[in-house]
N, C-alpha and C. Protein backbone atom coordinates (compact mmCIF):
# COMPACT_ATOMS: atom_id res chain seq x y z
N MET A 1 7.22 37.92 -12.37
CA MET A 1 6.70 36.65 -11.88
C MET A 1 5.97 36.92 -10.57
N ASN A 2 4.75 36.43 -10.49
CA ASN A 2 3.99 36.65 -9.25
C ASN A 2 4.23 35.52 -8.26
N GLU A 3 3.66 35.68 -7.08
CA GLU A 3 3.90 34.71 -6.01
C GLU A 3 3.42 33.30 -6.37
N ALA A 4 2.28 33.20 -7.05
CA ALA A 4 1.76 31.88 -7.45
C ALA A 4 2.71 31.19 -8.41
N ASP A 5 3.29 31.95 -9.35
CA ASP A 5 4.25 31.37 -10.29
C ASP A 5 5.50 30.88 -9.57
N GLU A 6 5.95 31.64 -8.56
CA GLU A 6 7.13 31.24 -7.79
C GLU A 6 6.86 29.95 -7.01
N ILE A 7 5.66 29.83 -6.46
CA ILE A 7 5.29 28.61 -5.73
C ILE A 7 5.23 27.43 -6.69
N ASP A 8 4.62 27.63 -7.85
CA ASP A 8 4.56 26.57 -8.86
C ASP A 8 5.95 26.15 -9.30
N GLU A 9 6.83 27.12 -9.51
CA GLU A 9 8.20 26.83 -9.92
C GLU A 9 8.94 26.04 -8.84
N ALA A 10 8.77 26.44 -7.59
CA ALA A 10 9.41 25.73 -6.48
C ALA A 10 8.87 24.31 -6.36
N TYR A 11 7.57 24.14 -6.56
CA TYR A 11 6.96 22.82 -6.50
C TYR A 11 7.51 21.92 -7.61
N LEU A 12 7.59 22.45 -8.82
CA LEU A 12 8.12 21.67 -9.95
C LEU A 12 9.59 21.33 -9.74
N ASP A 13 10.35 22.26 -9.20
CA ASP A 13 11.76 21.98 -8.89
C ASP A 13 11.89 20.85 -7.87
N GLU A 14 11.02 20.87 -6.87
CA GLU A 14 11.05 19.82 -5.85
C GLU A 14 10.66 18.46 -6.44
N LEU A 15 9.66 18.45 -7.32
CA LEU A 15 9.29 17.20 -7.99
C LEU A 15 10.46 16.65 -8.80
N ASP A 16 11.12 17.53 -9.56
CA ASP A 16 12.29 17.10 -10.34
C ASP A 16 13.37 16.53 -9.43
N ARG A 17 13.64 17.21 -8.31
CA ARG A 17 14.68 16.77 -7.39
C ARG A 17 14.34 15.38 -6.84
N GLN A 18 13.09 15.20 -6.40
CA GLN A 18 12.67 13.90 -5.87
C GLN A 18 12.75 12.82 -6.94
N PHE A 19 12.29 13.15 -8.14
CA PHE A 19 12.28 12.17 -9.22
C PHE A 19 13.71 11.72 -9.55
N PHE A 20 14.62 12.67 -9.72
CA PHE A 20 15.99 12.30 -10.07
C PHE A 20 16.69 11.56 -8.94
N MET A 21 16.36 11.89 -7.71
CA MET A 21 16.92 11.15 -6.58
C MET A 21 16.44 9.69 -6.64
N ASN A 22 15.16 9.50 -6.95
CA ASN A 22 14.62 8.14 -7.07
C ASN A 22 15.25 7.40 -8.25
N ILE A 23 15.42 8.09 -9.37
CA ILE A 23 16.02 7.47 -10.56
C ILE A 23 17.45 7.04 -10.26
N ASP A 24 18.20 7.88 -9.56
CA ASP A 24 19.57 7.50 -9.18
C ASP A 24 19.56 6.24 -8.31
N ALA A 25 18.63 6.19 -7.36
CA ALA A 25 18.53 5.02 -6.49
C ALA A 25 18.09 3.78 -7.26
N ILE A 26 17.18 3.95 -8.21
CA ILE A 26 16.74 2.83 -9.06
C ILE A 26 17.92 2.29 -9.85
N THR A 27 18.69 3.18 -10.45
CA THR A 27 19.84 2.76 -11.24
C THR A 27 20.85 2.00 -10.39
N ASP A 28 21.20 2.56 -9.25
CA ASP A 28 22.17 1.90 -8.36
C ASP A 28 21.66 0.54 -7.90
N SER A 29 20.41 0.49 -7.50
CA SER A 29 19.82 -0.76 -7.01
C SER A 29 19.77 -1.82 -8.11
N ALA A 30 19.31 -1.41 -9.29
CA ALA A 30 19.19 -2.38 -10.40
C ALA A 30 20.55 -2.90 -10.83
N LEU A 31 21.52 -2.02 -10.97
CA LEU A 31 22.85 -2.46 -11.42
C LEU A 31 23.50 -3.39 -10.39
N SER A 32 23.34 -3.08 -9.11
CA SER A 32 23.93 -3.98 -8.11
C SER A 32 23.18 -5.30 -8.05
N LEU A 33 21.87 -5.26 -8.26
CA LEU A 33 21.07 -6.49 -8.26
C LEU A 33 21.44 -7.39 -9.44
N LEU A 34 21.70 -6.78 -10.58
CA LEU A 34 22.07 -7.57 -11.76
C LEU A 34 23.39 -8.31 -11.55
N THR A 35 24.26 -7.74 -10.73
CA THR A 35 25.55 -8.40 -10.50
C THR A 35 25.42 -9.65 -9.63
N ILE A 36 24.37 -9.71 -8.80
CA ILE A 36 24.23 -10.88 -7.94
C ILE A 36 23.19 -11.88 -8.44
N ARG A 37 22.44 -11.50 -9.46
CA ARG A 37 21.46 -12.41 -10.07
C ARG A 37 22.03 -12.92 -11.39
N ASN A 38 21.52 -14.01 -11.83
CA ASN A 38 21.89 -14.54 -13.13
C ASN A 38 21.01 -13.86 -14.17
N ALA A 39 21.31 -12.60 -14.46
CA ALA A 39 20.45 -11.78 -15.33
C ALA A 39 20.68 -12.09 -16.80
N LYS A 40 19.60 -11.99 -17.55
CA LYS A 40 19.68 -12.16 -19.00
C LYS A 40 20.45 -10.98 -19.61
N PRO A 41 21.20 -11.22 -20.67
CA PRO A 41 21.96 -10.13 -21.31
C PRO A 41 21.09 -8.94 -21.71
N LYS A 42 19.84 -9.20 -22.14
CA LYS A 42 18.95 -8.09 -22.52
C LYS A 42 18.67 -7.17 -21.34
N LEU A 43 18.53 -7.75 -20.16
CA LEU A 43 18.29 -6.95 -18.97
C LEU A 43 19.51 -6.09 -18.64
N ILE A 44 20.66 -6.70 -18.74
CA ILE A 44 21.90 -5.97 -18.46
C ILE A 44 22.06 -4.82 -19.43
N ARG A 45 21.83 -5.07 -20.72
CA ARG A 45 21.94 -4.00 -21.73
C ARG A 45 20.96 -2.87 -21.45
N PHE A 46 19.72 -3.23 -21.07
CA PHE A 46 18.73 -2.19 -20.76
C PHE A 46 19.22 -1.29 -19.64
N PHE A 47 19.63 -1.89 -18.53
CA PHE A 47 20.03 -1.07 -17.39
C PHE A 47 21.33 -0.31 -17.64
N GLU A 48 22.22 -0.85 -18.43
CA GLU A 48 23.42 -0.09 -18.80
C GLU A 48 23.03 1.12 -19.65
N TRP A 49 22.07 0.92 -20.56
CA TRP A 49 21.59 2.03 -21.40
C TRP A 49 20.85 3.05 -20.55
N PHE A 50 20.00 2.56 -19.64
CA PHE A 50 19.26 3.45 -18.74
C PHE A 50 20.23 4.27 -17.89
N ALA A 51 21.29 3.66 -17.44
CA ALA A 51 22.27 4.34 -16.59
C ALA A 51 22.92 5.52 -17.31
N ARG A 52 22.98 5.47 -18.63
CA ARG A 52 23.55 6.61 -19.36
C ARG A 52 22.75 7.88 -19.08
N TRP A 53 21.43 7.75 -19.04
CA TRP A 53 20.60 8.92 -18.75
C TRP A 53 20.65 9.25 -17.26
N SER A 54 20.56 8.25 -16.44
CA SER A 54 20.59 8.46 -15.01
C SER A 54 21.90 9.14 -14.59
N ARG A 55 22.97 8.77 -15.23
CA ARG A 55 24.29 9.35 -14.91
C ARG A 55 24.57 10.62 -15.72
N ARG A 56 23.54 11.06 -16.46
CA ARG A 56 23.61 12.29 -17.26
C ARG A 56 24.75 12.27 -18.27
N THR A 57 24.89 11.14 -18.96
CA THR A 57 25.94 11.04 -19.97
C THR A 57 25.38 11.02 -21.38
N ILE A 58 24.14 11.46 -21.56
CA ILE A 58 23.63 11.61 -22.92
C ILE A 58 23.72 13.08 -23.28
N ASN A 59 23.59 13.36 -24.56
CA ASN A 59 23.70 14.71 -25.10
C ASN A 59 25.10 15.29 -24.97
N GLY A 60 26.06 14.47 -24.66
CA GLY A 60 27.44 14.92 -24.59
C GLY A 60 28.18 14.56 -25.87
N LYS A 61 29.41 14.96 -25.95
CA LYS A 61 30.21 14.67 -27.13
C LYS A 61 30.33 13.16 -27.30
N GLY A 62 29.91 12.68 -28.47
CA GLY A 62 29.98 11.25 -28.75
C GLY A 62 28.88 10.43 -28.10
N GLU A 63 27.96 11.09 -27.41
CA GLU A 63 26.88 10.38 -26.73
C GLU A 63 25.57 10.60 -27.49
N PRO A 64 24.59 9.72 -27.31
CA PRO A 64 23.32 9.89 -28.02
C PRO A 64 22.54 11.10 -27.48
N ASP A 65 21.72 11.69 -28.35
CA ASP A 65 20.84 12.75 -27.88
C ASP A 65 19.63 12.10 -27.21
N PHE A 66 18.84 12.90 -26.50
CA PHE A 66 17.73 12.33 -25.73
C PHE A 66 16.73 11.57 -26.60
N PRO A 67 16.26 12.12 -27.74
CA PRO A 67 15.29 11.36 -28.53
C PRO A 67 15.83 10.00 -29.01
N THR A 68 17.09 9.95 -29.40
CA THR A 68 17.70 8.69 -29.83
C THR A 68 17.80 7.72 -28.65
N TRP A 69 18.23 8.25 -27.52
CA TRP A 69 18.35 7.43 -26.31
C TRP A 69 16.99 6.86 -25.92
N LEU A 70 15.96 7.73 -25.89
CA LEU A 70 14.63 7.30 -25.48
C LEU A 70 14.05 6.27 -26.44
N ALA A 71 14.24 6.47 -27.74
CA ALA A 71 13.72 5.51 -28.73
C ALA A 71 14.32 4.13 -28.50
N ARG A 72 15.61 4.07 -28.25
CA ARG A 72 16.25 2.77 -28.02
C ARG A 72 15.78 2.17 -26.70
N LEU A 73 15.67 3.00 -25.65
CA LEU A 73 15.19 2.50 -24.36
C LEU A 73 13.79 1.92 -24.50
N THR A 74 12.94 2.61 -25.24
CA THR A 74 11.56 2.15 -25.45
C THR A 74 11.54 0.83 -26.21
N ARG A 75 12.36 0.72 -27.26
CA ARG A 75 12.43 -0.55 -28.01
C ARG A 75 12.88 -1.69 -27.09
N MET A 76 13.89 -1.41 -26.28
CA MET A 76 14.41 -2.44 -25.39
C MET A 76 13.37 -2.85 -24.35
N SER A 77 12.65 -1.89 -23.79
CA SER A 77 11.64 -2.25 -22.79
C SER A 77 10.45 -2.96 -23.44
N ASN A 78 10.08 -2.55 -24.64
CA ASN A 78 8.97 -3.23 -25.34
C ASN A 78 9.31 -4.68 -25.64
N SER A 79 10.58 -4.98 -25.90
CA SER A 79 10.96 -6.37 -26.17
C SER A 79 10.77 -7.25 -24.94
N MET A 80 10.74 -6.64 -23.76
CA MET A 80 10.55 -7.40 -22.51
C MET A 80 9.08 -7.72 -22.26
N LYS A 81 8.19 -7.20 -23.08
CA LYS A 81 6.75 -7.48 -22.92
C LYS A 81 6.36 -8.83 -23.50
N LYS A 82 7.31 -9.50 -24.13
CA LYS A 82 7.03 -10.80 -24.73
C LYS A 82 6.81 -11.85 -23.65
N LYS A 83 6.07 -12.86 -24.01
CA LYS A 83 5.66 -13.91 -23.08
C LYS A 83 6.85 -14.58 -22.38
N ARG A 84 7.95 -14.78 -23.09
CA ARG A 84 9.06 -15.52 -22.49
C ARG A 84 9.71 -14.78 -21.31
N TYR A 85 9.44 -13.48 -21.19
CA TYR A 85 10.00 -12.71 -20.08
C TYR A 85 8.98 -12.45 -18.98
N ALA A 86 7.75 -12.91 -19.17
CA ALA A 86 6.65 -12.56 -18.27
C ALA A 86 6.91 -12.92 -16.81
N ALA A 87 7.61 -14.00 -16.56
CA ALA A 87 7.83 -14.45 -15.18
C ALA A 87 9.03 -13.77 -14.52
N ASP A 88 9.82 -13.05 -15.26
CA ASP A 88 11.02 -12.43 -14.71
C ASP A 88 10.67 -11.08 -14.08
N PRO A 89 10.84 -10.95 -12.76
CA PRO A 89 10.48 -9.69 -12.11
C PRO A 89 11.32 -8.51 -12.61
N MET A 90 12.55 -8.76 -12.99
CA MET A 90 13.38 -7.67 -13.52
C MET A 90 12.83 -7.19 -14.86
N ALA A 91 12.28 -8.09 -15.66
CA ALA A 91 11.69 -7.69 -16.94
C ALA A 91 10.46 -6.81 -16.71
N ARG A 92 9.68 -7.14 -15.69
CA ARG A 92 8.52 -6.29 -15.38
C ARG A 92 8.97 -4.90 -14.94
N ILE A 93 10.06 -4.83 -14.21
CA ILE A 93 10.61 -3.54 -13.79
C ILE A 93 11.11 -2.76 -15.00
N VAL A 94 11.74 -3.45 -15.94
CA VAL A 94 12.19 -2.81 -17.18
C VAL A 94 11.02 -2.16 -17.90
N VAL A 95 9.92 -2.88 -18.02
CA VAL A 95 8.73 -2.35 -18.71
C VAL A 95 8.20 -1.13 -17.97
N MET A 96 8.17 -1.20 -16.66
CA MET A 96 7.68 -0.05 -15.87
C MET A 96 8.57 1.17 -16.08
N ILE A 97 9.88 0.96 -16.10
CA ILE A 97 10.81 2.07 -16.31
C ILE A 97 10.64 2.65 -17.71
N GLY A 98 10.54 1.77 -18.70
CA GLY A 98 10.35 2.24 -20.07
C GLY A 98 9.09 3.07 -20.22
N ASP A 99 8.00 2.60 -19.63
CA ASP A 99 6.74 3.35 -19.69
C ASP A 99 6.85 4.69 -18.96
N LEU A 100 7.52 4.68 -17.83
CA LEU A 100 7.71 5.91 -17.06
C LEU A 100 8.52 6.94 -17.84
N MET A 101 9.63 6.50 -18.41
CA MET A 101 10.49 7.43 -19.15
C MET A 101 9.79 7.95 -20.39
N ASP A 102 9.05 7.10 -21.05
CA ASP A 102 8.30 7.53 -22.23
C ASP A 102 7.27 8.58 -21.84
N ASP A 103 6.62 8.38 -20.71
CA ASP A 103 5.60 9.32 -20.25
C ASP A 103 6.20 10.68 -19.89
N ILE A 104 7.28 10.70 -19.12
CA ILE A 104 7.83 12.00 -18.72
C ILE A 104 8.42 12.76 -19.89
N ALA A 105 8.81 12.06 -20.93
CA ALA A 105 9.38 12.73 -22.10
C ALA A 105 8.35 13.64 -22.76
N TYR A 106 7.09 13.31 -22.60
CA TYR A 106 6.03 14.09 -23.25
C TYR A 106 5.35 15.09 -22.34
N VAL A 107 5.31 14.84 -21.04
CA VAL A 107 4.58 15.75 -20.15
C VAL A 107 5.45 16.38 -19.07
N GLY A 108 6.70 15.98 -18.94
CA GLY A 108 7.52 16.49 -17.85
C GLY A 108 7.21 15.75 -16.56
N THR A 109 7.94 16.10 -15.52
CA THR A 109 7.78 15.41 -14.24
C THR A 109 6.55 15.92 -13.50
N GLU A 110 5.71 14.98 -13.11
CA GLU A 110 4.52 15.27 -12.30
C GLU A 110 4.57 14.39 -11.06
N GLN A 111 3.69 14.65 -10.12
CA GLN A 111 3.66 13.87 -8.88
C GLN A 111 3.50 12.38 -9.16
N GLN A 112 2.69 12.02 -10.15
CA GLN A 112 2.50 10.60 -10.47
C GLN A 112 3.82 9.94 -10.87
N HIS A 113 4.73 10.68 -11.48
CA HIS A 113 6.01 10.11 -11.89
C HIS A 113 6.91 9.87 -10.67
N VAL A 114 6.86 10.78 -9.72
CA VAL A 114 7.60 10.57 -8.48
C VAL A 114 7.05 9.32 -7.78
N ASP A 115 5.72 9.22 -7.73
CA ASP A 115 5.08 8.06 -7.09
C ASP A 115 5.44 6.75 -7.81
N ARG A 116 5.40 6.77 -9.13
CA ARG A 116 5.74 5.56 -9.90
C ARG A 116 7.21 5.19 -9.72
N SER A 117 8.09 6.19 -9.65
CA SER A 117 9.50 5.88 -9.45
C SER A 117 9.72 5.27 -8.06
N LEU A 118 8.97 5.75 -7.07
CA LEU A 118 9.04 5.15 -5.73
C LEU A 118 8.54 3.71 -5.74
N GLU A 119 7.49 3.45 -6.52
CA GLU A 119 6.97 2.09 -6.64
C GLU A 119 8.03 1.16 -7.25
N ILE A 120 8.70 1.61 -8.29
CA ILE A 120 9.75 0.82 -8.93
C ILE A 120 10.89 0.57 -7.95
N LEU A 121 11.27 1.61 -7.23
CA LEU A 121 12.34 1.47 -6.25
C LEU A 121 11.96 0.46 -5.17
N GLY A 122 10.71 0.49 -4.74
CA GLY A 122 10.23 -0.49 -3.75
C GLY A 122 10.29 -1.91 -4.27
N LEU A 123 9.90 -2.10 -5.53
CA LEU A 123 9.98 -3.44 -6.14
C LEU A 123 11.42 -3.93 -6.20
N LEU A 124 12.33 -3.03 -6.56
CA LEU A 124 13.75 -3.41 -6.62
C LEU A 124 14.28 -3.77 -5.24
N LYS A 125 13.90 -3.02 -4.24
CA LYS A 125 14.36 -3.31 -2.88
C LYS A 125 13.82 -4.66 -2.41
N ASN A 126 12.54 -4.93 -2.70
CA ASN A 126 11.96 -6.23 -2.34
C ASN A 126 12.68 -7.37 -3.05
N LEU A 127 12.95 -7.18 -4.32
CA LEU A 127 13.65 -8.20 -5.10
C LEU A 127 15.07 -8.41 -4.58
N SER A 128 15.69 -7.34 -4.18
CA SER A 128 17.04 -7.43 -3.62
C SER A 128 17.02 -8.23 -2.31
N GLU A 129 16.02 -7.98 -1.48
CA GLU A 129 15.90 -8.73 -0.22
C GLU A 129 15.65 -10.21 -0.49
N GLU A 130 14.78 -10.51 -1.45
CA GLU A 130 14.51 -11.90 -1.81
C GLU A 130 15.78 -12.57 -2.33
N THR A 131 16.52 -11.86 -3.15
CA THR A 131 17.75 -12.40 -3.72
C THR A 131 18.78 -12.67 -2.63
N SER A 132 18.91 -11.75 -1.69
CA SER A 132 19.90 -11.94 -0.63
C SER A 132 19.52 -13.08 0.31
N GLN A 133 18.23 -13.43 0.34
CA GLN A 133 17.78 -14.56 1.15
C GLN A 133 17.82 -15.87 0.37
N GLY A 134 18.27 -15.79 -0.88
CA GLY A 134 18.40 -17.00 -1.69
C GLY A 134 17.14 -17.41 -2.41
N ASN A 135 16.17 -16.52 -2.51
CA ASN A 135 14.90 -16.85 -3.17
C ASN A 135 14.87 -16.30 -4.59
N THR A 136 15.90 -16.53 -5.36
CA THR A 136 15.92 -16.02 -6.73
C THR A 136 15.05 -16.86 -7.52
């Protein structure tokens, strides 16, 4: 392995580390937000399913494999694209997460994915602040 390959490997490792750190924060923020909001059951199911991957509990004994997990996550997020969910900010976040996870499954983690995960985390933090101020 030459020096350029080592730098590329270190860069990709750092992207993965940042991405997973953001995903963990997204999961924690979303799950805590759902407990204080009057969330629709579909939203709760999505984030509980998403947390399985975030908490690294897929591909284990009795757990779904990644393709099965991703297919269900994608179906659940696509169902949030319907008009009746359009005004719900949590539903928009679900769609963003579903699109993000679908994208990384095919290309791996890139800088754009770290940036998108930060954007989602920012939206969740803003929503959490609005909720704590009583502006649900």
